[in-house]
Amino acid sequence: MYILKFYIKTCAFLILTLTLAPFYFIILLVLYRWRKRIGPRLVRFYSQICLIIFRVNVELIKTSEPVTGVGKGVLIIANHASFLDIFVLSAIFGSVFVSKSEVKYYPIMGQIAWLMGVIFLDRKSSNERLRVLNQIVNDCGNQIIAVFPQGTTSGISERLPFNRGIFKVVEINPEIVLLPVTLQYREDAQIAWIKPQSLKENAIRVSSQGGIHVKVIVHAPVTIDHYQGKTASEICITVQKTVLDPLQAGH
């Protein structure tokens, strides 16, 4: 039965993607000048439908008032459990992501991701990280960017630490607002993508669920008032604690 659910949801996902992709490509190409403003709206619509396909119920919890001027210097910092995280954050914030450089060369989807403003990182190049940090700083003013500092997916029990490199963006531009976000899946043990599990194996596990519930906790923003005078490592530890502590409490 779970294999049947996998094929039904996968087919629905592929049909949606292949139907919208040509339209998205044309829209972004024709309106190239405004692509970084239009792209988030397109990806939000796409992601909302994807959540319906995978039967993901999102419970949004805000611990403070919304950030003033969201989209202007806001960088979302979140834990990473599943490929569903991308759809969840995109559906709520209309965010784009930092992605591995190989995605850029995927037929059609790679070009759409590039047009939308996805930032690509070549992990094999030692010079790439500074370029990506500078691009994040430059693009933050035009769109909301989300990053997963853990660098890979993991379950709640693993509590992988954050890589501090991304937090150097506040050294480049201290005006950037960091927005910690916790993604807490009720079915974490069943759907977390844990290596060496392949994408297909994980997709089967995700698709076999009758329904998936994720609590999205949007924490108070971390601004220059909070991190002024602190090192990137100290900021990393503070944000990591904010994001991961709710997972430990709810485990």
Protein backbone atom coordinates (compact mmCIF):
# COMPACT_ATOMS: atom_id res chain seq x y z
CA MET A 1 0.00 0.00 0.00
CA TYR A 2 2.83 2.43 0.83
CA ILE A 3 4.35 1.82 -2.64
CA LEU A 4 1.01 2.80 -4.21
CA LYS A 5 0.94 6.02 -2.14
CA PHE A 6 4.49 6.74 -3.28
CA TYR A 7 3.64 6.40 -6.97
CA ILE A 8 0.43 8.42 -6.69
CA LYS A 9 2.11 11.31 -4.89
CA THR A 10 5.20 11.16 -7.10
CA CYS A 11 3.08 11.25 -10.26
CA ALA A 12 1.08 14.20 -8.92
CA PHE A 13 4.32 16.00 -8.04
CA LEU A 14 5.84 15.37 -11.48
CA ILE A 15 2.68 16.44 -13.30
CA LEU A 16 2.58 19.67 -11.28
CA THR A 17 6.27 20.37 -11.87
CA LEU A 18 6.24 19.59 -15.59
CA THR A 19 3.06 21.63 -16.09
CA LEU A 20 4.26 24.76 -14.29
CA ALA A 21 7.94 24.66 -15.31
CA PRO A 22 7.54 25.93 -18.91
CA PHE A 23 5.23 28.77 -17.78
CA TYR A 24 7.58 29.75 -14.95
CA PHE A 25 10.55 29.74 -17.30
CA ILE A 26 8.81 31.99 -19.85
CA ILE A 27 7.49 34.38 -17.17
CA LEU A 28 10.89 34.76 -15.52
CA LEU A 29 12.68 35.14 -18.85
CA VAL A 30 10.27 37.76 -20.21
CA LEU A 31 10.22 39.64 -16.92
CA TYR A 32 13.93 39.06 -16.29
CA ARG A 33 14.47 42.48 -14.76
CA TRP A 34 11.93 41.76 -12.01
CA ARG A 35 12.61 38.03 -11.68
CA LYS A 36 13.84 38.21 -8.07
CA ARG A 37 10.59 39.87 -7.02
CA ILE A 38 8.33 37.61 -9.06
CA GLY A 39 10.22 34.37 -8.38
CA PRO A 40 9.33 34.10 -4.68
CA ARG A 41 5.62 34.45 -5.48
CA LEU A 42 5.84 31.70 -8.07
CA VAL A 43 7.78 29.35 -5.80
CA ARG A 44 5.35 30.02 -2.92
CA PHE A 45 2.38 28.95 -5.06
CA TYR A 46 4.25 25.86 -6.27
CA SER A 47 5.33 24.90 -2.74
CA GLN A 48 1.83 25.30 -1.31
CA ILE A 49 0.51 22.79 -3.83
CA CYS A 50 3.42 20.43 -3.11
CA LEU A 51 2.48 20.47 0.59
CA ILE A 52 -1.05 19.48 -0.36
CA ILE A 53 0.26 16.62 -2.50
CA PHE A 54 2.41 15.25 0.33
CA ARG A 55 -0.38 15.95 2.83
CA VAL A 56 1.70 18.20 5.05
CA ASN A 57 -0.18 20.15 7.70
CA VAL A 58 1.71 23.26 8.83
CA GLU A 59 1.23 24.76 12.29
CA LEU A 60 2.79 28.21 12.35
CA ILE A 61 3.88 29.63 15.69
CA LYS A 62 5.32 33.15 15.99
CA THR A 63 7.08 34.01 19.21
CA SER A 64 7.33 37.73 18.43
CA GLU A 65 6.01 40.43 16.14
CA PRO A 66 6.81 40.04 12.42
CA VAL A 67 10.14 41.46 11.29
CA THR A 68 9.73 44.96 9.93
CA GLY A 69 10.54 45.03 6.24
CA VAL A 70 10.78 41.28 5.72
CA GLY A 71 12.67 40.66 2.52
CA LYS A 72 15.09 43.53 3.12
CA GLY A 73 18.13 42.07 4.78
CA VAL A 74 16.44 39.04 6.37
CA LEU A 75 18.25 35.69 6.43
CA ILE A 76 16.32 32.66 7.69
CA ILE A 77 18.34 30.16 9.72
CA ALA A 78 16.61 26.77 10.10
CA ASN A 79 17.32 23.17 11.04
CA HIS A 80 17.17 20.63 8.22
CA ALA A 81 15.26 17.34 8.48
CA SER A 82 13.68 16.57 5.11
CA PHE A 83 13.37 17.68 1.50
CA LEU A 84 9.94 18.90 2.62
CA ASP A 85 11.70 21.74 4.50
CA ILE A 86 12.18 23.60 1.22
CA PHE A 87 8.46 23.48 0.42
CA VAL A 88 7.51 24.47 3.98
CA LEU A 89 9.76 27.54 4.13
CA SER A 90 8.96 28.58 0.56
CA ALA A 91 5.22 28.27 1.18
CA ILE A 92 5.41 30.48 4.29
CA PHE A 93 8.09 33.01 3.36
CA GLY A 94 8.50 32.74 -0.41
CA SER A 95 12.18 32.18 0.29
CA VAL A 96 14.96 31.04 -2.02
CA PHE A 97 17.89 28.91 -0.92
CA VAL A 98 21.58 28.28 -1.17
CA SER A 99 21.95 25.13 -3.26
CA LYS A 100 24.76 22.92 -4.53
CA SER A 101 26.07 24.03 -7.93
CA GLU A 102 25.02 20.80 -9.68
CA VAL A 103 21.35 21.84 -9.43
CA LYS A 104 22.02 24.75 -11.78
CA TYR A 105 22.58 22.30 -14.63
CA TYR A 106 19.41 20.28 -14.13
CA PRO A 107 17.28 20.57 -17.30
CA ILE A 108 14.70 23.39 -17.04
CA MET A 109 14.47 23.25 -13.22
CA GLY A 110 18.08 24.40 -12.87
CA GLN A 111 17.50 27.36 -15.16
CA ILE A 112 14.30 28.29 -13.32
CA ALA A 113 16.12 28.12 -9.99
CA TRP A 114 18.83 30.40 -11.38
CA LEU A 115 16.28 32.88 -12.73
CA MET A 116 14.50 32.95 -9.36
CA GLY A 117 17.70 33.90 -7.60
CA VAL A 118 18.78 30.63 -5.99
CA ILE A 119 22.40 30.97 -4.87
CA PHE A 120 24.64 28.13 -6.04
CA LEU A 121 27.65 26.89 -4.11
CA ASP A 122 30.45 24.78 -5.56
CA ARG A 123 31.59 22.89 -2.47
CA LYS A 124 34.75 21.72 -4.22
CA SER A 125 36.07 25.25 -4.66
CA SER A 126 37.89 26.86 -1.75
CA ASN A 127 37.13 30.35 -3.11
CA GLU A 128 33.39 29.81 -3.35
CA ARG A 129 32.38 30.44 0.24
CA LEU A 130 33.39 34.10 0.31
CA ARG A 131 31.65 34.70 -3.02
CA VAL A 132 28.46 33.06 -1.71
CA LEU A 133 28.58 35.10 1.51
CA ASN A 134 28.88 38.30 -0.50
CA GLN A 135 26.05 37.25 -2.81
CA ILE A 136 23.80 36.49 0.17
CA VAL A 137 24.55 39.95 1.56
CA ASN A 138 23.78 41.59 -1.80
CA ASP A 139 20.61 39.57 -2.51
CA CYS A 140 19.10 39.78 0.97
CA GLY A 141 17.78 43.23 0.14
CA ASN A 142 15.72 41.90 -2.78
CA GLN A 143 14.39 38.61 -1.46
CA ILE A 144 14.24 36.37 1.58
CA ILE A 145 17.02 33.80 1.64
CA ALA A 146 16.93 30.66 3.79
CA VAL A 147 19.91 28.54 4.77
CA PHE A 148 20.41 25.27 6.62
CA PRO A 149 23.65 25.69 8.62
CA GLN A 150 23.74 22.00 9.53
CA GLY A 151 24.74 21.35 5.93
CA THR A 152 22.70 18.15 5.66
CA THR A 153 19.45 16.60 6.82
CA SER A 154 19.20 14.85 10.18
CA GLY A 155 16.71 13.60 12.74
CA ILE A 156 15.86 15.37 15.98
CA SER A 157 17.96 12.99 18.07
CA GLU A 158 21.13 13.75 16.10
CA ARG A 159 21.16 17.48 16.87
CA LEU A 160 23.84 18.20 14.30
CA PRO A 161 25.74 21.42 15.11
CA PHE A 162 25.56 24.49 12.88
CA ASN A 163 28.45 25.42 10.64
CA ARG A 164 29.60 28.88 11.70
CA GLY A 165 30.70 30.01 8.23
CA ILE A 166 27.31 31.38 7.20
CA PHE A 167 27.24 33.68 10.21
CA LYS A 168 30.11 35.68 8.78
CA VAL A 169 27.47 37.54 6.73
CA VAL A 170 26.88 39.79 9.74
CA GLU A 171 30.56 40.71 9.69
CA ILE A 172 30.19 41.79 6.07
CA ASN A 173 26.90 43.61 6.70
CA PRO A 174 25.96 44.10 10.39
CA GLU A 175 22.51 45.36 9.36
CA ILE A 176 21.36 41.89 8.27
CA VAL A 177 18.58 40.43 10.43
CA LEU A 178 18.87 36.73 11.28
CA LEU A 179 15.51 34.98 11.66
CA PRO A 180 15.82 31.64 13.52
CA VAL A 181 13.16 29.09 12.52
CA THR A 182 12.58 25.66 14.04
CA LEU A 183 11.00 22.90 11.92
CA GLN A 184 9.59 20.20 14.18
CA TYR A 185 7.94 17.22 12.47
CA ARG A 186 5.66 15.02 14.55
CA GLU A 187 6.66 12.11 12.29
CA ASP A 188 10.38 12.94 12.45
CA ALA A 189 11.44 9.35 13.13
CA GLN A 190 9.63 8.21 9.98
CA ILE A 191 10.48 10.96 7.51
CA ALA A 192 13.88 12.43 8.50
CA TRP A 193 16.35 11.91 5.65
CA ILE A 194 19.30 10.24 7.34
CA LYS A 195 22.30 9.09 5.32
CA PRO A 196 23.07 6.63 3.78
CA GLN A 197 19.38 6.56 2.87
CA SER A 198 18.88 7.53 -0.78
CA LEU A 199 16.47 10.23 -1.96
CA LYS A 200 14.17 7.59 -3.43
CA GLU A 201 14.14 5.58 -0.19
CA ASN A 202 13.36 8.71 1.80
CA ALA A 203 10.70 9.81 -0.69
CA ILE A 204 8.98 6.43 -0.29
CA ARG A 205 8.98 6.83 3.51
CA VAL A 206 7.62 10.37 3.25
CA SER A 207 4.95 9.42 0.71
CA SER A 208 3.80 6.41 2.74
CA GLN A 209 2.60 8.67 5.56
CA GLY A 210 -1.13 9.21 5.76
CA GLY A 211 -0.43 12.77 6.85
CA ILE A 212 2.54 14.80 8.06
CA HIS A 213 2.42 17.48 10.74
CA VAL A 214 5.12 20.11 11.09
CA LYS A 215 5.30 22.83 13.72
CA VAL A 216 7.10 25.88 12.37
CA ILE A 217 8.36 28.09 15.19
CA VAL A 218 9.42 31.55 14.04
CA HIS A 219 11.62 32.96 16.78
CA ALA A 220 12.41 36.56 17.62
CA PRO A 221 14.79 38.06 15.05
CA VAL A 222 18.45 38.45 15.93
CA THR A 223 19.59 41.95 15.02
CA ILE A 224 22.73 44.02 15.41
CA ASP A 225 21.56 44.93 18.92
CA HIS A 226 21.95 41.26 19.87
CA TYR A 227 25.18 40.36 18.10
CA GLN A 228 27.16 43.59 18.12
CA GLY A 229 30.62 42.92 19.51
CA LYS A 230 30.27 39.14 19.17
CA THR A 231 32.22 36.83 16.87
CA ALA A 232 30.61 34.70 14.16
CA SER A 233 31.17 31.64 16.37
CA GLU A 234 29.36 33.23 19.31
CA ILE A 235 26.43 34.25 17.11
CA CYS A 236 26.32 30.74 15.67
CA ILE A 237 26.07 29.19 19.15
CA THR A 238 23.29 31.58 20.17
CA VAL A 239 21.17 30.97 17.07
CA GLN A 240 21.85 27.21 17.17
CA LYS A 241 20.52 27.05 20.72
CA THR A 242 17.43 29.04 19.76
CA VAL A 243 16.63 26.75 16.82
CA LEU A 244 17.49 23.35 18.34
CA ASP A 245 16.28 23.70 21.95
CA PRO A 246 12.56 23.34 21.04
CA LEU A 247 13.38 20.05 19.29
CA GLN A 248 14.93 18.64 22.45
CA ALA A 249 11.98 19.82 24.55
CA GLY A 250 9.44 18.28 22.22
CA HIS A 251 11.29 15.03 21.55
